[in-house]
Amino acid sequence: MSEKLHNALLENELYTKSYDDFKSQFSTVEKQTLLYENLKQEGLYTKSTGDFLDQFFPITEEQQETEIKENVVE
């Protein structure tokens, strides 16, 4: 999903690096949230943070499993 966002940013000349660079740069929720905040501030995205993350950076099953394992207290 983030590839659509990357392409839109390229088309609007708001980002110039490759998709691989984009994925690396925005690989954490913190960085994704900063991107969201910048786009919202510029009026380029109007929905909530959750909607943005769900639309462009959905959590995979593997990420969910890792998060669950990290939060399990033995």
N, C-alpha and C. Protein backbone atom coordinates (compact mmCIF):
# COMPACT_ATOMS: atom_id res chain seq x y z
N MET A 1 0.81 -1.20 0.00
CA MET A 1 0.00 0.00 0.00
C MET A 1 0.85 1.27 0.00
N SER A 2 1.97 1.23 0.67
CA SER A 2 2.78 2.44 0.75
C SER A 2 3.34 2.83 -0.62
N GLU A 3 3.33 1.88 -1.57
CA GLU A 3 3.83 2.21 -2.90
C GLU A 3 2.93 3.25 -3.57
N LYS A 4 1.62 3.19 -3.33
CA LYS A 4 0.72 4.20 -3.88
C LYS A 4 1.03 5.57 -3.30
N LEU A 5 1.32 5.62 -2.01
CA LEU A 5 1.68 6.88 -1.38
C LEU A 5 2.99 7.39 -1.95
N HIS A 6 3.97 6.51 -2.08
CA HIS A 6 5.26 6.89 -2.66
C HIS A 6 5.07 7.48 -4.05
N ASN A 7 4.28 6.81 -4.88
CA ASN A 7 4.05 7.29 -6.25
C ASN A 7 3.37 8.66 -6.26
N ALA A 8 2.41 8.85 -5.36
CA ALA A 8 1.71 10.15 -5.29
C ALA A 8 2.68 11.25 -4.86
N LEU A 9 3.54 10.95 -3.91
CA LEU A 9 4.52 11.94 -3.47
C LEU A 9 5.51 12.27 -4.59
N LEU A 10 5.90 11.25 -5.37
CA LEU A 10 6.78 11.48 -6.52
C LEU A 10 6.11 12.38 -7.56
N GLU A 11 4.87 12.05 -7.88
CA GLU A 11 4.14 12.81 -8.89
C GLU A 11 4.00 14.28 -8.51
N ASN A 12 3.84 14.52 -7.22
CA ASN A 12 3.68 15.90 -6.74
C ASN A 12 5.00 16.54 -6.34
N GLU A 13 6.09 15.85 -6.68
CA GLU A 13 7.45 16.34 -6.42
C GLU A 13 7.68 16.66 -4.94
N LEU A 14 7.08 15.82 -4.08
CA LEU A 14 7.25 15.98 -2.64
C LEU A 14 8.26 14.98 -2.08
N TYR A 15 8.67 14.03 -2.92
CA TYR A 15 9.65 13.02 -2.54
C TYR A 15 10.39 12.61 -3.80
N THR A 16 11.72 12.41 -3.70
CA THR A 16 12.50 12.16 -4.91
C THR A 16 13.26 10.84 -4.89
N LYS A 17 13.25 10.15 -3.76
CA LYS A 17 14.04 8.93 -3.66
C LYS A 17 13.26 7.72 -4.16
N SER A 18 13.95 6.58 -4.26
CA SER A 18 13.34 5.34 -4.75
C SER A 18 12.35 4.78 -3.73
N TYR A 19 11.54 3.83 -4.19
CA TYR A 19 10.58 3.18 -3.30
C TYR A 19 11.30 2.42 -2.20
N ASP A 20 12.43 1.79 -2.51
CA ASP A 20 13.20 1.08 -1.48
C ASP A 20 13.69 2.06 -0.40
N ASP A 21 14.14 3.23 -0.82
CA ASP A 21 14.55 4.25 0.14
C ASP A 21 13.35 4.69 0.99
N PHE A 22 12.21 4.86 0.34
CA PHE A 22 10.99 5.27 1.04
C PHE A 22 10.61 4.24 2.10
N LYS A 23 10.61 2.96 1.71
CA LYS A 23 10.27 1.90 2.67
C LYS A 23 11.22 1.90 3.85
N SER A 24 12.49 2.09 3.59
CA SER A 24 13.49 2.12 4.65
C SER A 24 13.31 3.34 5.56
N GLN A 25 13.10 4.48 4.94
CA GLN A 25 12.98 5.72 5.70
C GLN A 25 11.73 5.73 6.58
N PHE A 26 10.65 5.12 6.11
CA PHE A 26 9.39 5.13 6.85
C PHE A 26 9.03 3.73 7.34
N SER A 27 10.01 3.04 7.89
CA SER A 27 9.81 1.65 8.33
C SER A 27 9.31 1.53 9.76
N THR A 28 9.23 2.64 10.48
CA THR A 28 8.73 2.59 11.85
C THR A 28 7.45 3.42 11.97
N VAL A 29 6.64 3.07 12.96
CA VAL A 29 5.40 3.81 13.19
C VAL A 29 5.70 5.27 13.52
N GLU A 30 6.79 5.51 14.23
CA GLU A 30 7.14 6.88 14.58
C GLU A 30 7.41 7.72 13.32
N LYS A 31 8.16 7.17 12.39
CA LYS A 31 8.47 7.90 11.14
C LYS A 31 7.22 8.05 10.27
N GLN A 32 6.38 7.02 10.25
CA GLN A 32 5.14 7.07 9.49
C GLN A 32 4.22 8.15 10.05
N THR A 33 4.19 8.27 11.37
CA THR A 33 3.36 9.28 12.03
C THR A 33 3.88 10.68 11.72
N LEU A 34 5.19 10.86 11.69
CA LEU A 34 5.76 12.16 11.31
C LEU A 34 5.39 12.52 9.87
N LEU A 35 5.44 11.54 8.98
CA LEU A 35 5.03 11.77 7.60
C LEU A 35 3.58 12.20 7.55
N TYR A 36 2.73 11.48 8.29
CA TYR A 36 1.31 11.82 8.36
C TYR A 36 1.13 13.26 8.84
N GLU A 37 1.81 13.62 9.92
CA GLU A 37 1.66 14.96 10.48
C GLU A 37 2.06 16.04 9.48
N ASN A 38 3.12 15.79 8.72
CA ASN A 38 3.55 16.75 7.70
C ASN A 38 2.53 16.87 6.57
N LEU A 39 2.00 15.74 6.13
CA LEU A 39 1.00 15.77 5.06
C LEU A 39 -0.28 16.45 5.53
N LYS A 40 -0.66 16.18 6.78
CA LYS A 40 -1.87 16.81 7.32
C LYS A 40 -1.67 18.32 7.46
N GLN A 41 -0.51 18.73 7.95
CA GLN A 41 -0.21 20.15 8.12
C GLN A 41 -0.28 20.89 6.78
N GLU A 42 0.14 20.23 5.72
CA GLU A 42 0.11 20.84 4.38
C GLU A 42 -1.26 20.73 3.72
N GLY A 43 -2.21 20.07 4.40
CA GLY A 43 -3.55 19.91 3.85
C GLY A 43 -3.65 18.83 2.79
N LEU A 44 -2.68 17.94 2.74
CA LEU A 44 -2.65 16.90 1.71
C LEU A 44 -3.31 15.60 2.17
N TYR A 45 -3.58 15.49 3.46
CA TYR A 45 -4.29 14.32 3.99
C TYR A 45 -5.14 14.81 5.14
N THR A 46 -6.42 14.45 5.14
CA THR A 46 -7.33 15.03 6.12
C THR A 46 -7.92 14.03 7.11
N LYS A 47 -7.69 12.76 6.90
CA LYS A 47 -8.24 11.75 7.82
C LYS A 47 -7.35 11.61 9.04
N SER A 48 -7.72 10.70 9.94
CA SER A 48 -6.99 10.50 11.19
C SER A 48 -5.67 9.76 10.98
N THR A 49 -4.84 9.79 12.02
CA THR A 49 -3.57 9.07 11.99
C THR A 49 -3.82 7.58 11.76
N GLY A 50 -4.79 7.02 12.48
CA GLY A 50 -5.11 5.61 12.33
C GLY A 50 -5.51 5.25 10.91
N ASP A 51 -6.34 6.11 10.31
CA ASP A 51 -6.75 5.87 8.92
C ASP A 51 -5.54 5.89 7.99
N PHE A 52 -4.64 6.83 8.20
CA PHE A 52 -3.44 6.95 7.38
C PHE A 52 -2.59 5.69 7.49
N LEU A 53 -2.33 5.26 8.72
CA LEU A 53 -1.49 4.08 8.92
C LEU A 53 -2.16 2.83 8.36
N ASP A 54 -3.47 2.70 8.58
CA ASP A 54 -4.19 1.53 8.05
C ASP A 54 -4.18 1.51 6.52
N GLN A 55 -4.31 2.69 5.91
CA GLN A 55 -4.38 2.77 4.46
C GLN A 55 -3.03 2.55 3.79
N PHE A 56 -1.97 3.14 4.33
CA PHE A 56 -0.69 3.11 3.64
C PHE A 56 0.37 2.21 4.28
N PHE A 57 0.22 1.91 5.56
CA PHE A 57 1.21 1.09 6.26
C PHE A 57 0.51 0.03 7.12
N PRO A 58 -0.33 -0.80 6.51
CA PRO A 58 -1.06 -1.79 7.31
C PRO A 58 -0.10 -2.79 7.98
N ILE A 59 -0.48 -3.22 9.17
CA ILE A 59 0.34 -4.18 9.91
C ILE A 59 0.11 -5.56 9.31
N THR A 60 1.20 -6.25 9.02
CA THR A 60 1.11 -7.60 8.47
C THR A 60 0.90 -8.60 9.60
N GLU A 61 0.47 -9.80 9.25
CA GLU A 61 0.30 -10.85 10.26
C GLU A 61 1.61 -11.14 10.97
N GLU A 62 2.71 -11.13 10.23
CA GLU A 62 4.02 -11.39 10.82
C GLU A 62 4.37 -10.34 11.87
N GLN A 63 4.08 -9.07 11.58
CA GLN A 63 4.34 -8.00 12.53
C GLN A 63 3.47 -8.16 13.77
N GLN A 64 2.20 -8.56 13.57
CA GLN A 64 1.31 -8.77 14.70
C GLN A 64 1.82 -9.90 15.59
N GLU A 65 2.27 -10.98 14.99
CA GLU A 65 2.78 -12.11 15.75
C GLU A 65 4.02 -11.72 16.54
N THR A 66 4.91 -10.96 15.91
CA THR A 66 6.12 -10.50 16.59
C THR A 66 5.76 -9.61 17.78
N GLU A 67 4.80 -8.71 17.57
CA GLU A 67 4.39 -7.81 18.64
C GLU A 67 3.76 -8.60 19.81
N ILE A 68 2.96 -9.59 19.49
CA ILE A 68 2.33 -10.40 20.53
C ILE A 68 3.40 -11.14 21.32
N LYS A 69 4.38 -11.73 20.62
CA LYS A 69 5.45 -12.45 21.30
C LYS A 69 6.26 -11.54 22.19
N GLU A 70 6.49 -10.31 21.75
CA GLU A 70 7.28 -9.36 22.54
C GLU A 70 6.53 -8.92 23.79
N ASN A 71 5.19 -8.93 23.73
CA ASN A 71 4.40 -8.48 24.85
C ASN A 71 3.97 -9.58 25.81
N VAL A 72 4.28 -10.81 25.48
CA VAL A 72 3.91 -11.91 26.36
C VAL A 72 4.92 -11.98 27.51
N VAL A 73 4.38 -12.00 28.70
CA VAL A 73 5.24 -12.10 29.88
C VAL A 73 5.26 -13.54 30.34
N GLU A 74 6.45 -14.09 30.44
CA GLU A 74 6.55 -15.49 30.85
C GLU A 74 6.78 -15.59 32.31
